[in-house]
């Protein structure tokens, strides 16, 4: 699925609320807060994950996923990868080809 890397976000992985029903979760999602943007206020839910989360070839040490319908960029809804995950990678941006490479 498409995700937005966000070095300014202190969190880990956030996905759209539709994935609360589609992913294998180890716990029921519970509301953990609300996010406010110029576009409105959105609930934020959190749930424990049942299996490993992967980013390309890498298995992430993620035990919990947050869910919200906040959309930081115009277009199709995206997820968000924050600093909690990004700090473990060296990231190379290829703006000409609109690609990102993650290395450990």
Protein backbone atom coordinates (compact mmCIF):
# COMPACT_ATOMS: atom_id res chain seq x y z
CA UNK A 1 0.00 0.00 0.00
CA UNK A 2 1.08 3.55 -0.54
CA UNK A 3 2.56 5.38 2.46
CA UNK A 4 3.93 8.88 3.00
CA UNK A 5 7.36 9.08 4.71
CA UNK A 6 7.10 11.84 7.31
CA UNK A 7 10.31 12.68 9.18
CA UNK A 8 8.40 15.24 11.22
CA UNK A 9 5.99 12.67 12.63
CA UNK A 10 7.19 11.13 15.90
CA UNK A 11 5.01 8.05 15.40
CA UNK A 12 5.47 4.75 13.64
CA UNK A 13 3.00 3.44 11.07
CA UNK A 14 -0.42 5.00 10.48
CA UNK A 15 -2.88 3.62 7.91
CA UNK A 16 -6.39 4.59 6.79
CA UNK A 17 -9.29 3.37 8.92
CA UNK A 18 -10.49 1.02 6.16
CA UNK A 19 -7.53 -1.22 7.05
CA UNK A 20 -8.89 -1.75 10.57
CA UNK A 21 -11.24 -4.28 8.98
CA UNK A 22 -8.81 -5.71 6.40
CA UNK A 23 -5.62 -6.45 8.37
CA UNK A 24 -5.08 -9.31 10.83
CA UNK A 25 -4.96 -7.53 14.19
CA UNK A 26 -4.16 -9.02 17.59
CA UNK A 27 -6.45 -6.55 19.38
CA UNK A 28 -9.48 -4.43 18.64
CA UNK A 29 -8.70 -0.85 17.56
CA UNK A 30 -9.33 1.68 20.32
CA UNK A 31 -9.40 5.47 20.07
CA UNK A 32 -6.14 6.91 21.42
CA UNK A 33 -6.60 10.53 20.41
CA UNK A 34 -7.77 13.02 17.84
CA UNK A 35 -5.75 14.81 15.17
CA UNK A 36 -6.58 18.33 14.05
CA UNK A 37 -5.71 19.65 10.61
CA UNK A 38 -6.97 22.58 8.53
CA UNK A 39 -9.26 20.00 6.87
CA UNK A 40 -10.93 18.99 10.12
CA UNK A 41 -10.59 16.80 13.17
CA UNK A 42 -10.02 13.06 12.84
CA UNK A 43 -10.09 10.22 15.38
CA UNK A 44 -6.92 8.16 15.76
CA UNK A 45 -7.22 4.48 16.67
CA UNK A 46 -4.51 2.02 17.66
CA UNK A 47 -4.32 -1.80 17.60
CA UNK A 48 -1.71 -4.49 18.15
CA UNK A 49 -0.64 -6.30 14.98
CA UNK A 50 -0.86 -10.06 14.60
CA UNK A 51 2.06 -10.56 12.19
CA UNK A 52 5.25 -8.86 11.01
CA UNK A 53 5.01 -5.60 9.09
CA UNK A 54 7.27 -5.38 6.03
CA UNK A 55 8.75 -2.42 4.18
CA UNK A 56 10.06 -3.91 0.94
CA UNK A 57 12.67 -6.48 1.94
CA UNK A 58 12.77 -5.34 5.57
CA UNK A 59 10.74 -6.74 8.44
CA UNK A 60 9.89 -3.92 10.84
CA UNK A 61 9.85 -4.15 14.62
CA UNK A 62 6.29 -2.82 14.76
CA UNK A 63 3.90 -4.16 17.41
CA UNK A 64 1.17 -1.56 16.99
CA UNK A 65 -0.43 0.30 14.08
CA UNK A 66 -2.42 3.51 14.26
CA UNK A 67 -5.40 4.17 12.01
CA UNK A 68 -6.74 7.54 10.88
CA UNK A 69 -8.17 9.11 7.76
CA UNK A 70 -5.84 12.11 7.87
CA UNK A 71 -4.48 12.67 4.37
CA UNK A 72 -1.29 14.77 4.32
CA UNK A 73 -1.17 15.08 0.52
CA UNK A 74 -3.89 15.57 -2.11
CA UNK A 75 -5.12 12.49 -3.94
CA UNK A 76 -5.76 8.94 -2.87
CA UNK A 77 -5.59 8.29 0.88
CA UNK A 78 -2.17 7.24 2.08
CA UNK A 79 -0.56 5.83 5.15
CA UNK A 80 2.21 7.53 7.07
CA UNK A 81 5.62 6.23 8.20
CA UNK A 82 7.05 8.40 10.95
CA UNK A 83 10.37 8.86 12.70
CA UNK A 84 9.91 5.84 14.97
CA UNK A 85 10.43 3.63 11.88
CA UNK A 86 12.49 5.94 9.63
CA UNK A 87 15.25 6.40 12.23
CA UNK A 88 16.44 2.86 11.50
CA UNK A 89 17.14 3.54 7.81
CA UNK A 90 19.39 5.50 5.51
CA UNK A 91 17.04 7.02 2.95
CA UNK A 92 17.98 8.01 -0.60
CA UNK A 93 15.57 10.20 -2.57
CA UNK A 94 15.52 9.92 -6.39
CA UNK A 95 13.32 12.90 -7.25
CA UNK A 96 13.79 12.51 -11.03
CA UNK A 97 12.20 9.05 -10.96
CA UNK A 98 9.96 9.64 -7.91
CA UNK A 99 11.51 6.80 -5.92
CA UNK A 100 12.84 6.26 -2.42
CA UNK A 101 15.44 3.69 -1.39
CA UNK A 102 15.61 2.42 2.18
CA UNK A 103 18.86 0.86 3.43
CA UNK A 104 19.95 -0.41 6.82
